[in-house]
Amino acid sequence: MSIAENKQFAHQFIDEILNKGNFERLSKFVTPDFRYHGAAEELIGMEKFREWLSSDRRVFPDIRFTIIQSIAEFGKVATVWIVEATHDGEFRGIPATHKKFETAGVHIFHFEGNKIKEAWVIADGLSAALQLGVIRTELG
């Protein structure tokens, strides 16, 4: 695929899979041996990724990514986004707060052929935790 097609494909992945939760379409977007790297997870394989996504969807049922900017080069696409969600289930031992949060992050997608082979994500988890009230800070 061309650089522009990769960029469009990454946007479709975010919309179809992350926003709409159409996990049955995951094989259209990622390779069977897809690798996902996050701050607290490293998942190998499309099925492990699908399980993780399903679990996150139960915790944050209204999750919504809004792409702010994308940068692409041959075989890679980086997307900067804002994510909004409501914390409606236990997440990493933290009971549901039923509060909304908004934070920012970046995905970097690596392509192989016309599918995503690997993804890296960096998100501002501290901002989300502060908004949810699960950690507190005292300044000055």
C-alpha atoms as a PDB file:
ATOM      1  CA  MET A   1       0.000   0.000   0.000  1.00  0.00           C
ATOM      2  CA  SER A   2       1.054   3.588  -0.504  1.00  0.00           C
ATOM      3  CA  ILE A   3       1.856   5.942   2.369  1.00  0.00           C
ATOM      4  CA  ALA A   4      -1.556   7.613   1.984  1.00  0.00           C
ATOM      5  CA  GLU A   5      -3.318   4.218   1.940  1.00  0.00           C
ATOM      6  CA  ASN A   6      -1.468   3.121   5.101  1.00  0.00           C
ATOM      7  CA  LYS A   7      -2.573   6.321   6.835  1.00  0.00           C
ATOM      8  CA  GLN A   8      -6.201   5.802   5.782  1.00  0.00           C
ATOM      9  CA  PHE A   9      -6.005   2.139   6.851  1.00  0.00           C
ATOM     10  CA  ALA A  10      -4.706   3.114  10.329  1.00  0.00           C
ATOM     11  CA  HIS A  11      -7.594   5.575  10.684  1.00  0.00           C
ATOM     12  CA  GLN A  12     -10.072   2.855   9.670  1.00  0.00           C
ATOM     13  CA  PHE A  13      -8.526   0.480  12.216  1.00  0.00           C
ATOM     14  CA  ILE A  14      -8.982   3.043  15.000  1.00  0.00           C
ATOM     15  CA  ASP A  15     -12.566   3.732  13.966  1.00  0.00           C
ATOM     16  CA  GLU A  16     -13.721   0.157  13.256  1.00  0.00           C
ATOM     17  CA  ILE A  17     -11.863  -1.712  15.983  1.00  0.00           C
ATOM     18  CA  LEU A  18     -11.110   0.718  18.808  1.00  0.00           C
ATOM     19  CA  ASN A  19     -14.141   3.021  18.523  1.00  0.00           C
ATOM     20  CA  LYS A  20     -16.892   0.750  17.254  1.00  0.00           C
ATOM     21  CA  GLY A  21     -15.657  -2.519  18.768  1.00  0.00           C
ATOM     22  CA  ASN A  22     -16.105  -4.509  15.549  1.00  0.00           C
ATOM     23  CA  PHE A  23     -13.657  -7.181  16.730  1.00  0.00           C
ATOM     24  CA  GLU A  24     -14.961  -9.707  14.196  1.00  0.00           C
ATOM     25  CA  ARG A  25     -13.259  -7.509  11.557  1.00  0.00           C
ATOM     26  CA  LEU A  26      -9.864  -7.608  13.286  1.00  0.00           C
ATOM     27  CA  SER A  27      -8.383 -10.061  10.754  1.00  0.00           C
ATOM     28  CA  LYS A  28      -8.993  -7.476   8.011  1.00  0.00           C
ATOM     29  CA  PHE A  29      -6.600  -5.117   9.774  1.00  0.00           C
ATOM     30  CA  VAL A  30      -3.883  -7.125  11.542  1.00  0.00           C
ATOM     31  CA  THR A  31      -1.637 -10.090  10.778  1.00  0.00           C
ATOM     32  CA  PRO A  32      -2.237 -13.355  12.704  1.00  0.00           C
ATOM     33  CA  ASP A  33       1.050 -12.827  14.581  1.00  0.00           C
ATOM     34  CA  PHE A  34       0.269  -9.172  15.360  1.00  0.00           C
ATOM     35  CA  ARG A  35       2.274  -7.694  18.267  1.00  0.00           C
ATOM     36  CA  TYR A  36       0.911  -4.974  20.550  1.00  0.00           C
ATOM     37  CA  HIS A  37       3.177  -3.084  22.926  1.00  0.00           C
ATOM     38  CA  GLY A  38       1.752  -0.899  25.689  1.00  0.00           C
ATOM     39  CA  ALA A  39       2.942   0.410  29.031  1.00  0.00           C
ATOM     40  CA  ALA A  40       1.627  -2.561  30.985  1.00  0.00           C
ATOM     41  CA  GLU A  41       1.050  -5.120  28.250  1.00  0.00           C
ATOM     42  CA  GLU A  42       2.788  -6.879  25.456  1.00  0.00           C
ATOM     43  CA  LEU A  43       0.435  -9.037  23.464  1.00  0.00           C
ATOM     44  CA  ILE A  44       1.436 -11.464  20.751  1.00  0.00           C
ATOM     45  CA  GLY A  45      -1.158 -12.769  18.342  1.00  0.00           C
ATOM     46  CA  MET A  46      -4.417 -11.480  16.979  1.00  0.00           C
ATOM     47  CA  GLU A  47      -6.507 -13.598  19.374  1.00  0.00           C
ATOM     48  CA  LYS A  48      -4.698 -12.312  22.492  1.00  0.00           C
ATOM     49  CA  PHE A  49      -5.233  -8.780  21.219  1.00  0.00           C
ATOM     50  CA  ARG A  50      -8.941  -9.485  20.598  1.00  0.00           C
ATOM     51  CA  GLU A  51      -9.334 -10.816  24.167  1.00  0.00           C
ATOM     52  CA  TRP A  52      -7.585  -7.748  25.595  1.00  0.00           C
ATOM     53  CA  LEU A  53      -9.748  -5.384  23.511  1.00  0.00           C
ATOM     54  CA  SER A  54     -12.930  -7.158  24.640  1.00  0.00           C
ATOM     55  CA  SER A  55     -11.883  -6.854  28.277  1.00  0.00           C
ATOM     56  CA  ASP A  56     -11.092  -3.144  27.888  1.00  0.00           C
ATOM     57  CA  ARG A  57     -14.442  -2.590  26.153  1.00  0.00           C
ATOM     58  CA  ARG A  58     -16.274  -4.035  29.170  1.00  0.00           C
ATOM     59  CA  VAL A  59     -14.388  -1.646  31.486  1.00  0.00           C
ATOM     60  CA  PHE A  60     -14.704   1.403  29.197  1.00  0.00           C
ATOM     61  CA  PRO A  61     -17.857   0.717  27.132  1.00  0.00           C
ATOM     62  CA  ASP A  62     -18.106   4.191  25.579  1.00  0.00           C
ATOM     63  CA  ILE A  63     -14.419   4.551  24.675  1.00  0.00           C
ATOM     64  CA  ARG A  64     -13.830   6.940  21.783  1.00  0.00           C
ATOM     65  CA  PHE A  65     -10.564   7.881  20.066  1.00  0.00           C
ATOM     66  CA  THR A  66     -10.392  11.144  18.122  1.00  0.00           C
ATOM     67  CA  ILE A  67      -7.396  11.416  15.807  1.00  0.00           C
ATOM     68  CA  ILE A  68      -5.709  14.797  16.080  1.00  0.00           C
ATOM     69  CA  GLN A  69      -2.849  14.244  13.659  1.00  0.00           C
ATOM     70  CA  SER A  70      -1.161  11.464  11.708  1.00  0.00           C
ATOM     71  CA  ILE A  71       2.305  11.217  10.269  1.00  0.00           C
ATOM     72  CA  ALA A  72       3.209   8.499   7.797  1.00  0.00           C
ATOM     73  CA  GLU A  73       6.289   7.186   6.082  1.00  0.00           C
ATOM     74  CA  PHE A  74       6.799   4.023   4.119  1.00  0.00           C
ATOM     75  CA  GLY A  75       5.568   1.125   6.247  1.00  0.00           C
ATOM     76  CA  LYS A  76       4.717   3.169   9.365  1.00  0.00           C
ATOM     77  CA  VAL A  77       1.944   5.458  10.585  1.00  0.00           C
ATOM     78  CA  ALA A  78       1.916   7.447  13.828  1.00  0.00           C
ATOM     79  CA  THR A  79      -1.406   8.781  15.090  1.00  0.00           C
ATOM     80  CA  VAL A  80      -1.822  11.308  17.873  1.00  0.00           C
ATOM     81  CA  TRP A  81      -5.207  11.078  19.530  1.00  0.00           C
ATOM     82  CA  ILE A  82      -7.468  12.103  22.383  1.00  0.00           C
ATOM     83  CA  VAL A  83      -9.360   9.280  24.076  1.00  0.00           C
ATOM     84  CA  GLU A  84     -12.515   9.744  26.134  1.00  0.00           C
ATOM     85  CA  ALA A  85     -14.230   7.047  28.163  1.00  0.00           C
ATOM     86  CA  THR A  86     -16.188   6.214  31.287  1.00  0.00           C
ATOM     87  CA  HIS A  87     -14.621   3.869  33.856  1.00  0.00           C
ATOM     88  CA  ASP A  88     -17.503   1.397  34.346  1.00  0.00           C
ATOM     89  CA  GLY A  89     -15.671  -1.755  35.431  1.00  0.00           C
ATOM     90  CA  GLU A  90     -12.728  -2.955  37.499  1.00  0.00           C
ATOM     91  CA  PHE A  91      -9.434  -2.068  35.831  1.00  0.00           C
ATOM     92  CA  ARG A  92      -6.145  -3.423  37.171  1.00  0.00           C
ATOM     93  CA  GLY A  93      -7.612  -3.849  40.631  1.00  0.00           C
ATOM     94  CA  ILE A  94      -9.293  -0.425  40.668  1.00  0.00           C
ATOM     95  CA  PRO A  95     -13.072  -0.651  41.187  1.00  0.00           C
ATOM     96  CA  ALA A  96     -15.306   1.179  38.726  1.00  0.00           C
ATOM     97  CA  THR A  97     -15.565   4.900  39.485  1.00  0.00           C
ATOM     98  CA  HIS A  98     -18.250   5.561  36.848  1.00  0.00           C
ATOM     99  CA  LYS A  99     -16.406   8.790  36.072  1.00  0.00           C
ATOM    100  CA  LYS A 100     -15.455  10.075  32.641  1.00  0.00           C
ATOM    101  CA  PHE A 101     -11.911  10.917  31.665  1.00  0.00           C
ATOM    102  CA  GLU A 102     -10.076  12.354  28.676  1.00  0.00           C
ATOM    103  CA  THR A 103      -6.409  11.891  27.925  1.00  0.00           C
ATOM    104  CA  ALA A 104      -3.973  11.907  25.027  1.00  0.00           C
ATOM    105  CA  GLY A 105      -1.721   9.341  23.416  1.00  0.00           C
ATOM    106  CA  VAL A 106       0.046   8.032  20.347  1.00  0.00           C
ATOM    107  CA  HIS A 107      -0.145   4.825  18.326  1.00  0.00           C
ATOM    108  CA  ILE A 108       2.694   3.841  16.015  1.00  0.00           C
ATOM    109  CA  PHE A 109       1.647   1.206  13.494  1.00  0.00           C
ATOM    110  CA  HIS A 110       4.122  -0.925  11.530  1.00  0.00           C
ATOM    111  CA  PHE A 111       2.797  -2.439   8.319  1.00  0.00           C
ATOM    112  CA  GLU A 112       3.647  -5.683   6.590  1.00  0.00           C
ATOM    113  CA  GLY A 113       1.995  -5.926   3.202  1.00  0.00           C
ATOM    114  CA  ASN A 114      -1.481  -4.481   3.567  1.00  0.00           C
ATOM    115  CA  LYS A 115      -1.976  -5.236   7.266  1.00  0.00           C
ATOM    116  CA  ILE A 116      -0.705  -3.971  10.587  1.00  0.00           C
ATOM    117  CA  LYS A 117       2.044  -6.244  11.903  1.00  0.00           C
ATOM    118  CA  GLU A 118       2.878  -4.362  15.098  1.00  0.00           C
ATOM    119  CA  ALA A 119       1.586  -1.447  17.175  1.00  0.00           C
ATOM    120  CA  TRP A 120       3.121   0.602  19.951  1.00  0.00           C
ATOM    121  CA  VAL A 121       0.976   2.794  22.202  1.00  0.00           C
ATOM    122  CA  ILE A 122       1.904   5.519  24.642  1.00  0.00           C
ATOM    123  CA  ALA A 123      -0.913   7.113  26.662  1.00  0.00           C
ATOM    124  CA  ASP A 124      -1.063   9.634  29.472  1.00  0.00           C
ATOM    125  CA  GLY A 125      -2.342   7.298  32.164  1.00  0.00           C
ATOM    126  CA  LEU A 126      -1.485   9.717  34.983  1.00  0.00           C
ATOM    127  CA  SER A 127      -3.914  12.318  33.653  1.00  0.00           C
ATOM    128  CA  ALA A 128      -6.659   9.686  33.395  1.00  0.00           C
ATOM    129  CA  ALA A 129      -5.975   8.402  36.934  1.00  0.00           C
ATOM    130  CA  LEU A 130      -6.124  11.933  38.356  1.00  0.00           C
ATOM    131  CA  GLN A 131      -9.443  12.632  36.603  1.00  0.00           C
ATOM    132  CA  LEU A 132     -10.882   9.361  37.902  1.00  0.00           C
ATOM    133  CA  GLY A 133      -9.743  10.199  41.427  1.00  0.00           C
ATOM    134  CA  VAL A 134      -7.840   6.940  41.827  1.00  0.00           C
ATOM    135  CA  ILE A 135      -4.669   8.829  42.756  1.00  0.00           C
ATOM    136  CA  ARG A 136      -4.292  12.165  44.413  1.00  0.00           C
ATOM    137  CA  THR A 137      -1.590  14.757  44.285  1.00  0.00           C
ATOM    138  CA  GLU A 138      -0.890  17.737  46.456  1.00  0.00           C
ATOM    139  CA  LEU A 139       0.896  20.664  44.943  1.00  0.00           C
ATOM    140  CA  GLY A 140       2.915  23.210  46.918  1.00  0.00           C
END
